[in-house]
C-alpha atoms as a PDB file:
ATOM      1  CA  MET A   1       1.414  33.557  11.508  1.00  0.00           C
ATOM      2  CA  ASP A   2      -0.864  31.964   9.788  1.00  0.00           C
ATOM      3  CA  SER A   3      -3.420  29.021  11.625  1.00  0.00           C
ATOM      4  CA  ALA A   4      -2.062  26.352  10.335  1.00  0.00           C
ATOM      5  CA  GLU A   5       1.055  27.489  11.749  1.00  0.00           C
ATOM      6  CA  GLU A   6      -0.145  28.330  15.453  1.00  0.00           C
ATOM      7  CA  GLU A   7      -1.744  25.323  14.839  1.00  0.00           C
ATOM      8  CA  GLN A   8       1.625  23.404  14.168  1.00  0.00           C
ATOM      9  CA  SER A   9       3.815  24.953  16.361  1.00  0.00           C
ATOM     10  CA  GLU A  10       1.362  24.208  19.710  1.00  0.00           C
ATOM     11  CA  ALA A  11       1.773  20.276  18.647  1.00  0.00           C
ATOM     12  CA  GLU A  12       5.481  20.982  18.274  1.00  0.00           C
ATOM     13  CA  GLU A  13       5.526  23.062  21.537  1.00  0.00           C
ATOM     14  CA  GLY A  14       3.461  20.416  23.544  1.00  0.00           C
ATOM     15  CA  GLN A  15       4.883  17.165  21.995  1.00  0.00           C
ATOM     16  CA  SER A  16       8.605  18.711  22.914  1.00  0.00           C
ATOM     17  CA  LEU A  17       7.341  19.153  26.734  1.00  0.00           C
ATOM     18  CA  ASP A  18       5.810  15.797  26.477  1.00  0.00           C
ATOM     19  CA  GLU A  19       9.387  14.145  25.459  1.00  0.00           C
ATOM     20  CA  VAL A  20      11.189  16.226  27.643  1.00  0.00           C
ATOM     21  CA  THR A  21      12.695  13.431  30.208  1.00  0.00           C
ATOM     22  CA  VAL A  22      13.538  15.354  33.892  1.00  0.00           C
ATOM     23  CA  ILE A  23      17.278  14.290  34.809  1.00  0.00           C
ATOM     24  CA  GLU A  24      18.651  14.582  38.613  1.00  0.00           C
ATOM     25  CA  PRO A  25      22.108  14.857  38.514  1.00  0.00           C
ATOM     26  CA  LEU A  26      22.832  11.998  40.907  1.00  0.00           C
ATOM     27  CA  ASP A  27      23.857  12.476  44.458  1.00  0.00           C
ATOM     28  CA  GLU A  28      28.326  11.842  44.763  1.00  0.00           C
ATOM     29  CA  PHE A  29      27.155   8.472  46.568  1.00  0.00           C
ATOM     30  CA  SER A  30      25.029   7.433  43.859  1.00  0.00           C
ATOM     31  CA  ALA A  31      27.031   8.541  41.453  1.00  0.00           C
ATOM     32  CA  LEU A  32      30.430   6.952  43.196  1.00  0.00           C
ATOM     33  CA  LEU A  33      27.975   4.028  43.991  1.00  0.00           C
ATOM     34  CA  GLU A  34      27.846   3.262  39.709  1.00  0.00           C
ATOM     35  CA  ARG A  35      30.900   3.171  38.848  1.00  0.00           C
ATOM     36  CA  LEU A  36      31.610   0.679  41.648  1.00  0.00           C
ATOM     37  CA  ASP A  37      28.839  -0.799  40.447  1.00  0.00           C
ATOM     38  CA  ALA A  38      31.068  -0.802  36.573  1.00  0.00           C
ATOM     39  CA  LEU A  39      34.205  -1.425  37.850  1.00  0.00           C
ATOM     40  CA  HIS A  40      33.080  -5.249  39.569  1.00  0.00           C
ATOM     41  CA  ASN A  41      31.856  -6.305  36.062  1.00  0.00           C
ATOM     42  CA  GLY A  42      35.153  -5.182  34.031  1.00  0.00           C
ATOM     43  CA  SER A  43      37.846  -6.592  33.717  1.00  0.00           C
ATOM     44  CA  ASP A  44      40.417  -7.708  36.708  1.00  0.00           C
ATOM     45  CA  GLY A  45      42.841  -4.585  36.769  1.00  0.00           C
ATOM     46  CA  ASP A  46      38.780  -2.296  37.114  1.00  0.00           C
ATOM     47  CA  LYS A  47      38.365  -4.988  40.271  1.00  0.00           C
ATOM     48  CA  ARG A  48      41.887  -3.516  41.310  1.00  0.00           C
ATOM     49  CA  GLU A  49      40.841   0.214  41.251  1.00  0.00           C
ATOM     50  CA  CYS A  50      37.497  -0.831  42.346  1.00  0.00           C
ATOM     51  CA  LEU A  51      39.122  -1.070  45.919  1.00  0.00           C
ATOM     52  CA  ARG A  52      41.749   1.194  45.564  1.00  0.00           C
ATOM     53  CA  THR A  53      38.443   3.102  45.000  1.00  0.00           C
ATOM     54  CA  MET A  54      36.761   2.430  48.130  1.00  0.00           C
ATOM     55  CA  LEU A  55      39.646   2.182  50.744  1.00  0.00           C
ATOM     56  CA  ASP A  56      39.917   5.999  49.347  1.00  0.00           C
ATOM     57  CA  LYS A  57      36.731   6.467  50.171  1.00  0.00           C
ATOM     58  CA  ARG A  58      36.122   4.040  53.556  1.00  0.00           C
ATOM     59  CA  GLU A  59      37.148   7.347  55.762  1.00  0.00           C
ATOM     60  CA  GLU A  60      33.827   9.243  54.138  1.00  0.00           C
ATOM     61  CA  PHE A  61      31.322   6.681  53.308  1.00  0.00           C
ATOM     62  CA  GLY A  62      33.112   4.211  55.912  1.00  0.00           C
ATOM     63  CA  GLN A  63      29.579   3.903  57.966  1.00  0.00           C
ATOM     64  CA  ASN A  64      26.775   2.503  55.498  1.00  0.00           C
ATOM     65  CA  THR A  65      25.879  -0.093  55.022  1.00  0.00           C
ATOM     66  CA  THR A  66      26.150  -0.394  51.667  1.00  0.00           C
ATOM     67  CA  PHE A  67      29.014   1.256  50.829  1.00  0.00           C
ATOM     68  CA  LEU A  68      30.388  -1.790  52.692  1.00  0.00           C
ATOM     69  CA  TRP A  69      28.955  -4.087  51.363  1.00  0.00           C
ATOM     70  CA  ARG A  70      30.327  -3.223  48.175  1.00  0.00           C
ATOM     71  CA  LEU A  71      33.935  -3.349  49.217  1.00  0.00           C
ATOM     72  CA  VAL A  72      32.937  -6.792  51.329  1.00  0.00           C
ATOM     73  CA  ARG A  73      32.160  -7.730  47.031  1.00  0.00           C
ATOM     74  CA  ALA A  74      35.360  -5.863  46.090  1.00  0.00           C
ATOM     75  CA  TYR A  75      38.022  -7.463  47.970  1.00  0.00           C
ATOM     76  CA  VAL A  76      35.747 -10.577  47.620  1.00  0.00           C
ATOM     77  CA  ASP A  77      37.159  -9.886  43.933  1.00  0.00           C
ATOM     78  CA  VAL A  78      40.737  -8.863  44.387  1.00  0.00           C
ATOM     79  CA  HIS A  79      40.937 -12.677  46.093  1.00  0.00           C
ATOM     80  CA  ASP A  80      39.466 -14.743  44.041  1.00  0.00           C
ATOM     81  CA  ILE A  81      41.864 -12.540  40.925  1.00  0.00           C
ATOM     82  CA  THR A  82      45.440 -12.684  43.456  1.00  0.00           C
ATOM     83  CA  THR A  83      46.944 -15.873  42.320  1.00  0.00           C
ATOM     84  CA  ASN A  84      49.184 -15.290  45.955  1.00  0.00           C
ATOM     85  CA  LEU A  85      49.175 -17.244  49.332  1.00  0.00           C
ATOM     86  CA  GLU A  86      49.970 -14.573  50.854  1.00  0.00           C
ATOM     87  CA  GLN A  87      47.716 -11.493  49.540  1.00  0.00           C
ATOM     88  CA  LYS A  88      44.956 -13.865  49.109  1.00  0.00           C
ATOM     89  CA  LYS A  89      44.731 -14.476  52.885  1.00  0.00           C
ATOM     90  CA  THR A  90      45.202 -10.636  53.259  1.00  0.00           C
ATOM     91  CA  HIS A  91      42.668  -9.788  51.083  1.00  0.00           C
ATOM     92  CA  ALA A  92      39.946 -12.908  52.636  1.00  0.00           C
ATOM     93  CA  GLU A  93      41.265 -11.774  56.068  1.00  0.00           C
ATOM     94  CA  THR A  94      39.932  -8.032  55.938  1.00  0.00           C
ATOM     95  CA  GLY A  95      37.777  -8.700  53.945  1.00  0.00           C
ATOM     96  CA  LYS A  96      35.227 -11.281  56.106  1.00  0.00           C
ATOM     97  CA  LYS A  97      36.347  -8.106  58.854  1.00  0.00           C
ATOM     98  CA  VAL A  98      34.810  -6.271  57.218  1.00  0.00           C
ATOM     99  CA  GLY A  99      31.752  -8.247  56.387  1.00  0.00           C
ATOM    100  CA  GLU A 100      31.035  -8.354  60.271  1.00  0.00           C
ATOM    101  CA  GLU A 101      31.261  -4.669  60.700  1.00  0.00           C
ATOM    102  CA  ALA A 102      28.363  -4.474  57.852  1.00  0.00           C
ATOM    103  CA  VAL A 103      26.414  -5.953  59.073  1.00  0.00           C
ATOM    104  CA  LYS A 104      26.215  -5.381  62.419  1.00  0.00           C
ATOM    105  CA  LEU A 105      25.645  -1.333  61.057  1.00  0.00           C
ATOM    106  CA  ASN A 106      22.417  -3.698  59.696  1.00  0.00           C
ATOM    107  CA  LEU A 107      21.122  -6.921  60.088  1.00  0.00           C
ATOM    108  CA  MET A 108      18.695  -6.093  57.834  1.00  0.00           C
ATOM    109  CA  CYS A 109      21.144  -5.566  54.773  1.00  0.00           C
ATOM    110  CA  ALA A 110      20.865  -9.204  53.047  1.00  0.00           C
ATOM    111  CA  GLU A 111      24.008  -8.055  51.048  1.00  0.00           C
ATOM    112  CA  SER A 112      25.511  -7.408  53.623  1.00  0.00           C
ATOM    113  CA  HIS A 113      24.892 -11.654  54.456  1.00  0.00           C
ATOM    114  CA  GLN A 114      26.032 -12.652  51.304  1.00  0.00           C
ATOM    115  CA  TRP A 115      29.153 -11.591  51.473  1.00  0.00           C
END
């Protein structure tokens, strides 16, 4: 390699190191929250899937305030898109209970109070 090629090679190496973005893998809970937030912002079917997913994960994450306020939000979403009055009532009552649970776990969590 001549000196010009060496300089270019060194410059490319320096450039590639500067441009490397380190992406840390998400833990399971963070990945779940991202997925739930995406479903919340999706279609009516996505909102129903969000609630089903959260109910499946409730035993695993049910003592986490961040999870619980999203569960309340999911109940609100499904309440709002449901046309059956009895189902609306059930979603509202269950969501209220979960919201109370979330607030008890962490009084300082604003999202728990919001939902």
